[in-house]
Amino acid sequence: MRVVLRLLVKLSTDMKLVWDGNNGQEAVDAVKRLQPDVLVMDIQMPRLDGFSATLQIVELGVHTQVILISGHIGSYIAMKSAEVGAKGFVPKDDLATSLPLAIRAVYRGETFFME
């Protein structure tokens, strides 16, 4: 999945990949150091899941906005993503089409939630 995400960002001339990690705790630590504009993170990850990591990132008070992705779909996942402070949710089966749109929307200060 990380390979697909890297490729999607590299194919977009208006985006830049600044970090790539293995788990939710690494994501929180990277946000502390790098403070990227947008972080795309899977909900299911080792050490710290995406929901918990998003809560920690929001509590940091940095400008980084989170988009969560998951193989699970449905209104519950999208609502839970919003509840923890994510600004977007994209199902994995729609990444190629919707993730670049979500990143751009969240970067502009909008939200982007799919079910």
N, C-alpha and C. Protein backbone atom coordinates (compact mmCIF):
# COMPACT_ATOMS: atom_id res chain seq x y z
N MET A 1 0.82 -1.19 0.00
CA MET A 1 0.00 0.00 0.00
C MET A 1 0.87 1.26 0.00
N ARG A 2 1.96 1.21 0.76
CA ARG A 2 2.84 2.39 0.80
C ARG A 2 3.43 2.70 -0.56
N VAL A 3 3.70 1.67 -1.34
CA VAL A 3 4.24 1.87 -2.69
C VAL A 3 3.22 2.62 -3.54
N VAL A 4 1.96 2.23 -3.44
CA VAL A 4 0.89 2.90 -4.19
C VAL A 4 0.78 4.35 -3.77
N LEU A 5 0.81 4.60 -2.48
CA LEU A 5 0.72 5.98 -1.99
C LEU A 5 1.88 6.83 -2.48
N ARG A 6 3.09 6.29 -2.41
CA ARG A 6 4.25 7.03 -2.89
C ARG A 6 4.11 7.35 -4.38
N LEU A 7 3.65 6.38 -5.15
CA LEU A 7 3.49 6.58 -6.58
C LEU A 7 2.44 7.65 -6.88
N LEU A 8 1.33 7.63 -6.18
CA LEU A 8 0.29 8.63 -6.40
C LEU A 8 0.81 10.05 -6.15
N VAL A 9 1.59 10.20 -5.10
CA VAL A 9 2.14 11.52 -4.79
C VAL A 9 3.19 11.92 -5.82
N LYS A 10 4.04 10.98 -6.21
CA LYS A 10 5.09 11.31 -7.18
C LYS A 10 4.52 11.67 -8.55
N LEU A 11 3.38 11.09 -8.91
CA LEU A 11 2.75 11.41 -10.19
C LEU A 11 2.07 12.77 -10.19
N SER A 12 1.90 13.35 -9.04
CA SER A 12 1.26 14.65 -8.92
C SER A 12 2.34 15.72 -8.79
N THR A 13 2.42 16.59 -9.75
CA THR A 13 3.48 17.60 -9.76
C THR A 13 3.32 18.66 -8.68
N ASP A 14 2.13 18.76 -8.10
CA ASP A 14 1.90 19.77 -7.07
C ASP A 14 2.01 19.21 -5.65
N MET A 15 2.54 18.00 -5.50
CA MET A 15 2.70 17.39 -4.18
C MET A 15 4.12 16.89 -4.00
N LYS A 16 4.53 16.81 -2.75
CA LYS A 16 5.88 16.34 -2.44
C LYS A 16 5.81 15.40 -1.24
N LEU A 17 6.41 14.25 -1.36
CA LEU A 17 6.50 13.28 -0.28
C LEU A 17 7.66 13.68 0.63
N VAL A 18 7.37 13.91 1.91
CA VAL A 18 8.43 14.32 2.84
C VAL A 18 8.77 13.25 3.87
N TRP A 19 7.92 12.21 3.96
CA TRP A 19 8.17 11.17 4.95
C TRP A 19 7.33 9.95 4.61
N ASP A 20 7.83 8.78 4.99
CA ASP A 20 7.14 7.51 4.77
C ASP A 20 7.46 6.63 5.96
N GLY A 21 6.44 6.11 6.64
CA GLY A 21 6.72 5.37 7.86
C GLY A 21 5.99 4.05 7.96
N ASN A 22 6.22 3.36 9.07
CA ASN A 22 5.72 2.00 9.27
C ASN A 22 4.56 1.85 10.23
N ASN A 23 4.38 2.80 11.15
CA ASN A 23 3.35 2.63 12.16
C ASN A 23 2.86 3.98 12.67
N GLY A 24 1.80 3.93 13.47
CA GLY A 24 1.18 5.15 13.97
C GLY A 24 2.08 5.97 14.88
N GLN A 25 2.86 5.31 15.71
CA GLN A 25 3.76 6.06 16.60
C GLN A 25 4.82 6.80 15.78
N GLU A 26 5.34 6.17 14.74
CA GLU A 26 6.30 6.85 13.87
C GLU A 26 5.65 8.07 13.21
N ALA A 27 4.37 7.96 12.86
CA ALA A 27 3.66 9.08 12.23
C ALA A 27 3.57 10.26 13.20
N VAL A 28 3.22 9.99 14.44
CA VAL A 28 3.14 11.07 15.44
C VAL A 28 4.50 11.71 15.62
N ASP A 29 5.54 10.91 15.75
CA ASP A 29 6.91 11.43 15.91
C ASP A 29 7.34 12.25 14.70
N ALA A 30 6.99 11.79 13.50
CA ALA A 30 7.35 12.51 12.27
C ALA A 30 6.64 13.85 12.20
N VAL A 31 5.39 13.88 12.60
CA VAL A 31 4.65 15.15 12.59
C VAL A 31 5.30 16.14 13.55
N LYS A 32 5.74 15.67 14.70
CA LYS A 32 6.43 16.55 15.65
C LYS A 32 7.66 17.18 15.00
N ARG A 33 8.41 16.39 14.26
CA ARG A 33 9.65 16.86 13.64
C ARG A 33 9.43 17.67 12.38
N LEU A 34 8.58 17.17 11.49
CA LEU A 34 8.48 17.71 10.14
C LEU A 34 7.30 18.66 9.92
N GLN A 35 6.23 18.48 10.68
CA GLN A 35 5.01 19.25 10.54
C GLN A 35 4.58 19.42 9.08
N PRO A 36 4.32 18.30 8.40
CA PRO A 36 3.87 18.40 7.00
C PRO A 36 2.49 19.03 6.94
N ASP A 37 2.12 19.54 5.79
CA ASP A 37 0.79 20.13 5.62
C ASP A 37 -0.29 19.08 5.74
N VAL A 38 -0.08 17.93 5.09
CA VAL A 38 -1.07 16.86 5.06
C VAL A 38 -0.37 15.53 5.33
N LEU A 39 -1.01 14.71 6.16
CA LEU A 39 -0.50 13.36 6.45
C LEU A 39 -1.57 12.36 6.04
N VAL A 40 -1.20 11.41 5.21
CA VAL A 40 -2.10 10.32 4.82
C VAL A 40 -1.70 9.10 5.64
N MET A 41 -2.68 8.52 6.33
CA MET A 41 -2.35 7.44 7.27
C MET A 41 -3.44 6.37 7.24
N ASP A 42 -3.01 5.13 7.28
CA ASP A 42 -3.93 4.00 7.34
C ASP A 42 -4.53 3.92 8.74
N ILE A 43 -5.77 3.49 8.82
CA ILE A 43 -6.40 3.31 10.13
C ILE A 43 -5.81 2.11 10.85
N GLN A 44 -5.53 1.03 10.12
CA GLN A 44 -4.98 -0.17 10.74
C GLN A 44 -3.47 -0.20 10.57
N MET A 45 -2.77 0.07 11.68
CA MET A 45 -1.31 0.07 11.68
C MET A 45 -0.82 -0.54 12.98
N PRO A 46 0.41 -1.04 12.97
CA PRO A 46 0.98 -1.56 14.21
C PRO A 46 1.33 -0.44 15.19
N ARG A 47 1.53 -0.82 16.43
CA ARG A 47 1.94 0.04 17.55
C ARG A 47 0.91 1.08 17.96
N LEU A 48 0.33 1.78 17.01
CA LEU A 48 -0.67 2.81 17.31
C LEU A 48 -1.55 2.94 16.07
N ASP A 49 -2.85 2.66 16.23
CA ASP A 49 -3.73 2.70 15.07
C ASP A 49 -3.93 4.14 14.59
N GLY A 50 -4.48 4.29 13.40
CA GLY A 50 -4.65 5.60 12.80
C GLY A 50 -5.56 6.53 13.57
N PHE A 51 -6.62 5.99 14.19
CA PHE A 51 -7.51 6.82 15.00
C PHE A 51 -6.75 7.41 16.19
N SER A 52 -6.03 6.56 16.91
CA SER A 52 -5.27 7.02 18.09
C SER A 52 -4.16 7.98 17.70
N ALA A 53 -3.47 7.68 16.61
CA ALA A 53 -2.40 8.56 16.15
C ALA A 53 -2.97 9.93 15.75
N THR A 54 -4.12 9.93 15.09
CA THR A 54 -4.75 11.20 14.70
C THR A 54 -5.09 12.03 15.93
N LEU A 55 -5.66 11.39 16.95
CA LEU A 55 -5.96 12.11 18.19
C LEU A 55 -4.71 12.77 18.77
N GLN A 56 -3.60 12.03 18.78
CA GLN A 56 -2.35 12.58 19.32
C GLN A 56 -1.83 13.73 18.47
N ILE A 57 -1.96 13.60 17.15
CA ILE A 57 -1.50 14.67 16.25
C ILE A 57 -2.33 15.94 16.45
N VAL A 58 -3.63 15.78 16.57
CA VAL A 58 -4.50 16.94 16.81
C VAL A 58 -4.12 17.60 18.14
N GLU A 59 -3.84 16.81 19.15
CA GLU A 59 -3.46 17.35 20.46
C GLU A 59 -2.14 18.11 20.43
N LEU A 60 -1.29 17.82 19.44
CA LEU A 60 -0.03 18.55 19.32
C LEU A 60 -0.25 20.02 19.00
N GLY A 61 -1.38 20.31 18.35
CA GLY A 61 -1.68 21.69 17.99
C GLY A 61 -0.89 22.20 16.79
N VAL A 62 -0.38 21.30 15.97
CA VAL A 62 0.36 21.70 14.76
C VAL A 62 -0.63 21.89 13.61
N HIS A 63 -0.15 22.43 12.51
CA HIS A 63 -1.03 22.69 11.36
C HIS A 63 -1.27 21.46 10.50
N THR A 64 -0.60 20.36 10.76
CA THR A 64 -0.74 19.14 9.96
C THR A 64 -2.18 18.64 9.98
N GLN A 65 -2.72 18.39 8.79
CA GLN A 65 -4.07 17.86 8.64
C GLN A 65 -3.97 16.39 8.22
N VAL A 66 -4.84 15.56 8.77
CA VAL A 66 -4.76 14.12 8.56
C VAL A 66 -5.88 13.64 7.64
N ILE A 67 -5.51 12.78 6.70
CA ILE A 67 -6.46 12.02 5.89
C ILE A 67 -6.25 10.56 6.24
N LEU A 68 -7.31 9.90 6.65
CA LEU A 68 -7.22 8.48 6.97
C LEU A 68 -7.70 7.65 5.80
N ILE A 69 -7.09 6.48 5.65
CA ILE A 69 -7.49 5.54 4.61
C ILE A 69 -7.75 4.19 5.26
N SER A 70 -8.59 3.38 4.62
CA SER A 70 -8.88 2.05 5.16
C SER A 70 -9.47 1.16 4.08
N GLY A 71 -9.26 -0.13 4.27
CA GLY A 71 -9.91 -1.11 3.41
C GLY A 71 -11.37 -1.30 3.80
N HIS A 72 -11.71 -0.86 4.99
CA HIS A 72 -13.10 -0.93 5.46
C HIS A 72 -13.81 0.34 5.03
N ILE A 73 -15.04 0.21 4.60
CA ILE A 73 -15.80 1.38 4.17
C ILE A 73 -17.11 1.47 4.93
N GLY A 74 -17.72 2.61 4.85
CA GLY A 74 -19.01 2.81 5.49
C GLY A 74 -19.06 4.12 6.24
N SER A 75 -20.26 4.54 6.54
CA SER A 75 -20.44 5.83 7.19
C SER A 75 -19.83 5.84 8.59
N TYR A 76 -19.82 4.69 9.28
CA TYR A 76 -19.22 4.65 10.62
C TYR A 76 -17.74 5.02 10.56
N ILE A 77 -17.01 4.46 9.61
CA ILE A 77 -15.56 4.73 9.51
C ILE A 77 -15.34 6.21 9.19
N ALA A 78 -16.10 6.76 8.27
CA ALA A 78 -15.97 8.17 7.93
C ALA A 78 -16.29 9.05 9.13
N MET A 79 -17.38 8.73 9.85
CA MET A 79 -17.76 9.52 11.02
C MET A 79 -16.71 9.42 12.13
N LYS A 80 -16.20 8.23 12.37
CA LYS A 80 -15.17 8.04 13.39
C LYS A 80 -13.91 8.81 13.02
N SER A 81 -13.57 8.84 11.73
CA SER A 81 -12.41 9.61 11.26
C SER A 81 -12.59 11.09 11.60
N ALA A 82 -13.77 11.61 11.33
CA ALA A 82 -14.04 13.02 11.64
C ALA A 82 -14.02 13.26 13.15
N GLU A 83 -14.57 12.33 13.92
CA GLU A 83 -14.60 12.47 15.38
C GLU A 83 -13.22 12.61 15.99
N VAL A 84 -12.24 11.88 15.46
CA VAL A 84 -10.89 11.94 16.04
C VAL A 84 -10.08 13.12 15.51
N GLY A 85 -10.65 13.86 14.56
CA GLY A 85 -9.98 15.06 14.08
C GLY A 85 -9.40 14.99 12.69
N ALA A 86 -9.59 13.88 12.00
CA ALA A 86 -9.11 13.79 10.61
C ALA A 86 -9.92 14.76 9.75
N LYS A 87 -9.32 15.26 8.72
CA LYS A 87 -10.00 16.16 7.79
C LYS A 87 -10.47 15.45 6.54
N GLY A 88 -10.13 14.14 6.44
CA GLY A 88 -10.57 13.38 5.29
C GLY A 88 -10.52 11.89 5.55
N PHE A 89 -11.29 11.17 4.75
CA PHE A 89 -11.27 9.71 4.76
C PHE A 89 -11.50 9.23 3.34
N VAL A 90 -10.64 8.30 2.89
CA VAL A 90 -10.75 7.72 1.55
C VAL A 90 -10.61 6.20 1.67
N PRO A 91 -11.57 5.44 1.14
CA PRO A 91 -11.43 3.99 1.12
C PRO A 91 -10.28 3.57 0.20
N LYS A 92 -9.60 2.51 0.56
CA LYS A 92 -8.46 2.06 -0.24
C LYS A 92 -8.85 1.69 -1.67
N ASP A 93 -10.08 1.23 -1.87
CA ASP A 93 -10.47 0.83 -3.23
C ASP A 93 -10.70 2.04 -4.15
N ASP A 94 -10.58 3.25 -3.63
CA ASP A 94 -10.77 4.45 -4.44
C ASP A 94 -9.57 5.40 -4.36
N LEU A 95 -8.43 4.88 -3.91
CA LEU A 95 -7.26 5.74 -3.72
C LEU A 95 -6.79 6.43 -4.99
N ALA A 96 -6.69 5.68 -6.07
CA ALA A 96 -6.12 6.24 -7.30
C ALA A 96 -6.90 7.46 -7.78
N THR A 97 -8.20 7.40 -7.67
CA THR A 97 -9.04 8.50 -8.14
C THR A 97 -9.18 9.59 -7.09
N SER A 98 -9.46 9.20 -5.86
CA SER A 98 -9.89 10.18 -4.85
C SER A 98 -8.79 10.72 -3.95
N LEU A 99 -7.71 9.97 -3.72
CA LEU A 99 -6.71 10.46 -2.78
C LEU A 99 -6.07 11.78 -3.23
N PRO A 100 -5.66 11.92 -4.50
CA PRO A 100 -5.11 13.23 -4.89
C PRO A 100 -6.12 14.37 -4.69
N LEU A 101 -7.39 14.11 -4.96
CA LEU A 101 -8.43 15.12 -4.75
C LEU A 101 -8.55 15.45 -3.26
N ALA A 102 -8.50 14.41 -2.42
CA ALA A 102 -8.61 14.60 -0.97
C ALA A 102 -7.43 15.42 -0.45
N ILE A 103 -6.23 15.09 -0.88
CA ILE A 103 -5.04 15.82 -0.43
C ILE A 103 -5.15 17.29 -0.79
N ARG A 104 -5.53 17.56 -2.03
CA ARG A 104 -5.66 18.96 -2.46
C ARG A 104 -6.75 19.70 -1.67
N ALA A 105 -7.87 19.04 -1.44
CA ALA A 105 -8.97 19.67 -0.70
C ALA A 105 -8.55 19.98 0.73
N VAL A 106 -7.95 19.02 1.40
CA VAL A 106 -7.54 19.21 2.79
C VAL A 106 -6.44 20.27 2.87
N TYR A 107 -5.55 20.29 1.92
CA TYR A 107 -4.50 21.32 1.88
C TYR A 107 -5.11 22.72 1.79
N ARG A 108 -6.22 22.83 1.06
CA ARG A 108 -6.92 24.13 0.91
C ARG A 108 -7.78 24.47 2.13
N GLY A 109 -7.81 23.60 3.12
CA GLY A 109 -8.60 23.87 4.31
C GLY A 109 -9.99 23.28 4.29
N GLU A 110 -10.29 22.46 3.29
CA GLU A 110 -11.59 21.82 3.18
C GLU A 110 -11.54 20.44 3.81
N THR A 111 -12.68 19.77 3.86
CA THR A 111 -12.72 18.38 4.29
C THR A 111 -13.09 17.52 3.10
N PHE A 112 -12.78 16.21 3.20
CA PHE A 112 -13.04 15.28 2.10
C PHE A 112 -13.32 13.91 2.70
N PHE A 113 -14.57 13.59 2.87
CA PHE A 113 -14.95 12.31 3.48
C PHE A 113 -15.77 11.48 2.50
N MET A 114 -15.33 10.26 2.26
CA MET A 114 -16.07 9.32 1.43
C MET A 114 -16.58 8.21 2.35
N GLU A 115 -17.63 7.54 1.91
CA GLU A 115 -18.17 6.42 2.69
C GLU A 115 -17.98 5.12 1.97
